[in-house]
Protein backbone atom coordinates (compact mmCIF):
# COMPACT_ATOMS: atom_id res chain seq x y z
CA MET A 1 91.22 45.97 -35.72
CA LEU A 2 92.82 44.86 -32.44
CA ASN A 3 96.45 43.85 -32.68
CA LYS A 4 97.18 40.35 -31.43
CA PRO A 5 99.76 40.49 -28.62
CA ASP A 6 102.85 38.29 -28.51
CA LYS A 7 102.09 35.04 -26.63
CA ARG A 8 105.43 35.34 -24.84
CA VAL A 9 104.37 38.66 -23.34
CA VAL A 10 100.96 37.49 -22.16
CA THR A 11 101.92 35.16 -19.33
CA ARG A 12 99.76 36.11 -16.33
CA ALA A 13 96.06 36.78 -16.03
CA GLY A 14 96.68 40.16 -14.39
CA THR A 15 99.06 41.24 -17.12
CA THR A 16 96.71 40.00 -19.83
CA VAL A 17 93.79 42.01 -18.48
CA GLU A 18 95.92 45.12 -18.09
CA GLN A 19 97.18 44.84 -21.66
CA MET A 20 93.68 44.28 -23.00
CA VAL A 21 92.22 47.23 -21.10
CA ARG A 22 94.98 49.51 -22.38
CA ALA A 23 94.71 48.28 -25.96
CA ILE A 24 90.92 48.48 -26.18
CA ALA A 25 90.80 51.81 -24.33
CA ASP A 26 93.33 53.31 -26.75
CA LEU A 27 91.24 52.14 -29.70
CA ILE A 28 88.12 53.74 -28.20
CA VAL A 29 89.82 56.99 -27.22
CA THR A 30 91.44 57.46 -30.63
CA GLY A 31 88.23 56.61 -32.48
CA ALA A 32 89.33 53.29 -34.00
CA LEU A 33 86.37 51.73 -32.18
CA ARG A 34 83.29 53.88 -32.68
CA PRO A 35 80.41 54.61 -30.28
CA GLY A 36 77.77 51.91 -30.54
CA GLU A 37 80.20 49.32 -31.88
CA LYS A 38 79.69 45.90 -30.28
CA LEU A 39 82.53 44.14 -28.45
CA ASP A 40 82.17 40.39 -28.81
CA GLU A 41 83.82 38.26 -26.10
CA VAL A 42 84.64 35.37 -28.43
CA SER A 43 86.25 37.61 -31.05
CA LEU A 44 88.26 39.50 -28.44
CA ALA A 45 89.43 36.27 -26.84
CA GLY A 46 90.59 35.03 -30.21
CA ARG A 47 92.41 38.22 -31.11
CA PHE A 48 94.23 38.34 -27.78
CA ASP A 49 94.75 34.57 -27.65
CA VAL A 50 93.21 34.26 -24.18
CA SER A 51 90.18 32.62 -22.61
CA ARG A 52 86.93 34.54 -22.17
CA THR A 53 87.55 35.03 -18.43
CA PRO A 54 90.15 37.83 -18.78
CA VAL A 55 88.04 39.32 -21.58
CA ARG A 56 85.09 39.65 -19.20
CA GLU A 57 87.31 41.30 -16.58
CA ALA A 58 88.73 43.72 -19.15
CA LEU A 59 85.24 44.68 -20.28
CA ARG A 60 84.18 45.11 -16.65
CA GLN A 61 87.02 47.56 -16.09
CA LEU A 62 86.21 49.43 -19.29
CA CYS A 63 82.60 49.71 -18.10
CA ALA A 64 83.85 51.19 -14.83
CA MET A 65 85.84 53.73 -16.85
CA GLY A 66 82.71 54.71 -18.74
CA LEU A 67 84.14 53.68 -22.11
CA VAL A 68 81.94 50.60 -22.51
CA ASP A 69 78.33 49.90 -21.61
CA ARG A 70 76.92 46.45 -20.97
CA GLN A 71 73.29 45.70 -20.28
CA PRO A 72 72.19 42.32 -18.81
CA ASN A 73 72.18 39.51 -21.38
CA LYS A 74 73.50 41.83 -24.09
CA ARG A 75 76.87 42.41 -25.74
CA ALA A 76 79.12 45.18 -24.53
CA VAL A 77 79.09 48.29 -26.72
CA VAL A 78 81.39 51.28 -27.01
CA THR A 79 79.94 54.38 -25.37
CA ASN A 80 80.23 57.96 -26.55
CA VAL A 81 82.41 60.08 -24.26
CA SER A 82 81.34 63.65 -24.94
CA GLY A 83 83.70 66.58 -24.61
CA LYS A 84 81.39 68.09 -21.99
CA HIS A 85 81.50 65.00 -19.78
CA LEU A 86 85.25 64.67 -20.18
CA HIS A 87 85.70 68.30 -19.18
CA ALA A 88 83.55 67.77 -16.08
CA MET A 89 85.68 64.80 -14.99
CA PHE A 90 88.92 66.70 -15.55
CA GLU A 91 87.53 69.67 -13.63
CA ALA A 92 86.91 67.40 -10.63
CA MET A 93 90.34 65.83 -11.09
CA ALA A 94 92.05 69.23 -11.06
CA GLU A 95 90.42 70.12 -7.75
CA LEU A 96 91.36 66.79 -6.17
CA GLU A 97 94.95 66.99 -7.39
CA ALA A 98 95.22 70.51 -6.01
CA VAL A 99 94.05 69.34 -2.59
CA CYS A 100 96.55 66.48 -2.63
CA ALA A 101 99.44 68.74 -3.63
CA ARG A 102 98.54 71.28 -0.95
CA LEU A 103 98.39 68.63 1.77
CA ALA A 104 101.56 66.96 0.49
CA ALA A 105 103.43 70.26 0.80
CA GLN A 106 102.27 70.44 4.39
CA ARG A 107 102.53 66.80 5.42
CA MET A 108 105.17 64.96 3.43
CA THR A 109 108.10 63.73 5.48
CA SER A 110 111.64 64.65 4.51
CA VAL A 111 112.14 61.13 3.18
CA GLU A 112 108.99 61.36 1.05
CA ARG A 113 110.08 64.73 -0.34
CA LYS A 114 113.46 63.34 -1.33
CA GLU A 115 111.86 60.31 -3.00
CA LEU A 116 109.52 62.57 -4.97
CA ARG A 117 112.38 64.80 -6.12
CA ASP A 118 114.59 61.84 -7.06
CA MET A 119 111.75 60.19 -8.98
CA HIS A 120 111.05 63.40 -10.86
CA GLN A 121 114.69 64.00 -11.78
CA ALA A 122 115.13 60.39 -12.93
CA SER A 123 112.12 60.69 -15.24
CA LYS A 124 113.98 63.20 -17.41
CA ARG A 125 115.64 60.26 -19.19
CA PHE A 126 112.25 59.18 -20.55
CA VAL A 127 111.66 62.65 -21.96
CA ASP A 128 115.12 62.78 -23.54
CA ALA A 129 114.56 59.34 -25.09
CA SER A 130 111.01 60.21 -26.23
CA GLY A 131 109.83 57.20 -24.23
CA GLY A 132 106.13 57.84 -24.11
CA GLU A 133 105.14 54.48 -22.64
CA ASP A 134 107.86 54.62 -19.98
CA TYR A 135 106.93 58.18 -19.11
CA ALA A 136 103.25 57.28 -18.89
CA ALA A 137 104.04 54.52 -16.38
CA TYR A 138 106.24 56.90 -14.39
CA ASN A 139 103.52 59.56 -14.52
CA THR A 140 101.10 57.27 -12.71
CA GLU A 141 103.65 56.58 -9.97
CA PHE A 142 104.51 60.28 -9.67
CA HIS A 143 100.94 61.33 -9.02
CA THR A 144 100.32 58.37 -6.70
CA GLN A 145 103.26 59.44 -4.57
CA ILE A 146 101.73 62.89 -4.18
CA TYR A 147 98.35 61.38 -3.30
CA ARG A 148 99.97 59.26 -0.62
CA GLY A 149 101.96 62.24 0.60
CA ALA A 150 98.70 64.00 1.43
CA HIS A 151 98.22 61.41 4.21
CA ASN A 152 94.44 61.30 3.87
CA ASP A 153 93.04 57.87 3.03
CA TYR A 154 89.61 59.10 2.00
CA ILE A 155 90.97 61.68 -0.42
CA PHE A 156 93.29 58.98 -1.77
CA GLU A 157 90.27 56.80 -2.57
CA LEU A 158 88.46 59.65 -4.30
CA VAL A 159 91.39 60.79 -6.41
CA THR A 160 92.47 57.31 -7.51
CA ALA A 161 88.89 56.41 -8.48
CA THR A 162 88.59 59.58 -10.57
CA ARG A 163 91.99 58.98 -12.13
CA ALA A 164 90.92 55.48 -13.17
CA ARG A 165 88.02 56.95 -15.17
CA LEU A 166 90.38 59.36 -16.92
CA SER A 167 93.32 57.00 -17.34
CA PRO A 168 92.86 56.31 -21.08
CA PHE A 169 92.71 60.01 -21.86
CA ARG A 170 95.64 60.90 -19.62
CA HIS A 171 97.63 58.20 -21.37
CA ALA A 172 96.61 59.35 -24.85
CA GLN A 173 97.94 62.88 -24.26
CA PHE A 174 101.50 61.59 -24.59
CA ARG A 175 100.85 60.92 -28.26
CA LEU A 176 100.84 64.69 -28.83
CA GLU A 177 104.04 66.33 -30.03
CA GLY A 178 106.01 68.08 -27.30
CA ARG A 179 103.72 66.86 -24.53
CA LEU A 180 106.40 64.83 -22.69
CA SER A 181 108.75 67.75 -22.13
CA GLN A 182 105.89 70.08 -21.26
CA SER A 183 104.52 67.60 -18.73
CA TRP A 184 107.97 67.28 -17.13
CA ARG A 185 108.21 71.05 -16.71
CA GLU A 186 104.76 71.13 -15.12
CA HIS A 187 105.84 68.37 -12.74
CA ASP A 188 108.97 70.33 -11.92
CA ARG A 189 106.88 73.26 -10.73
CA ILE A 190 104.76 70.98 -8.54
CA VAL A 191 107.80 69.24 -7.04
CA GLU A 192 109.62 72.48 -6.22
CA ALA A 193 106.56 73.84 -4.44
CA ILE A 194 106.03 70.66 -2.42
CA ILE A 195 109.70 70.34 -1.50
CA SER A 196 109.82 73.93 -0.27
CA GLY A 197 106.54 73.60 1.62
CA GLN A 198 104.68 76.20 -0.43
CA ALA A 199 101.21 74.72 -0.07
CA ASP A 200 99.27 77.30 -2.10
CA GLU A 201 101.78 77.27 -4.93
CA ALA A 202 101.78 73.47 -4.98
CA ALA A 203 97.98 73.44 -5.22
CA LYS A 204 97.99 75.97 -8.06
CA ALA A 205 100.72 74.12 -9.94
CA ALA A 206 98.81 70.84 -9.65
CA TYR A 207 95.54 72.43 -10.72
CA ASP A 208 97.17 74.12 -13.70
CA HIS A 209 98.85 70.86 -14.68
CA VAL A 210 95.60 68.89 -14.81
CA SER A 211 93.87 71.76 -16.63
CA ILE A 212 96.53 71.59 -19.33
CA VAL A 213 96.14 67.80 -19.49
CA SER A 214 92.42 68.37 -19.97
CA GLU A 215 93.05 70.67 -22.90
CA ALA A 216 95.52 68.22 -24.43
CA SER A 217 93.09 65.34 -24.04
CA ALA A 218 90.13 67.23 -25.51
CA SER A 219 91.28 66.33 -29.01
CA PHE A 220 90.41 62.71 -28.21
CA ALA A 221 86.78 63.48 -27.35
CA LEU A 222 85.62 65.17 -30.53
CA PRO A 223 82.08 64.45 -31.73
CA ARG A 224 82.10 61.11 -33.55
């Protein structure tokens, strides 16, 4: 059952939709909502204490992620994300991340390199505090900075679109024991390669990182 958020937290439409997408996606990824289960707008609006407008937007985003399917004039239903399909998406993600890391090592300015290193070092406090939610938010910013550092707008569009499809699974990985510290070490390898301009090593480190994320996330796509 969906947890009803605190009214004091839900203050803006954008925030409400974001919270709903995250909450419903987590329930789908972890199996609390099963494939084929119907998602009723009225019930969801009541549980989240919002109007149906943000519910429709949240369901639209979940459809774009491939977690929900909605046919015309029918209720939205939870889809079945197979391990094979998830692997295929992560395989594409690994290649795109590798390209971004390689280009970032070649193209990032000195200021951008310093910002990336400082961000990475500062994130260690989330690992030490076992702050999974804080680290997950940082993780998104970390990868975005590398995408931007590649200085290729078209690749940026491709990689962010693919990441959006995988976002619930990339977020769920931080539930696994030891994953925060392991992720930080993987980031450290990427950062060192980019900072030192080792393009091939940066690409390999990024590819390996996403491959490990794929393996960690596979546990959330078991046959249901």
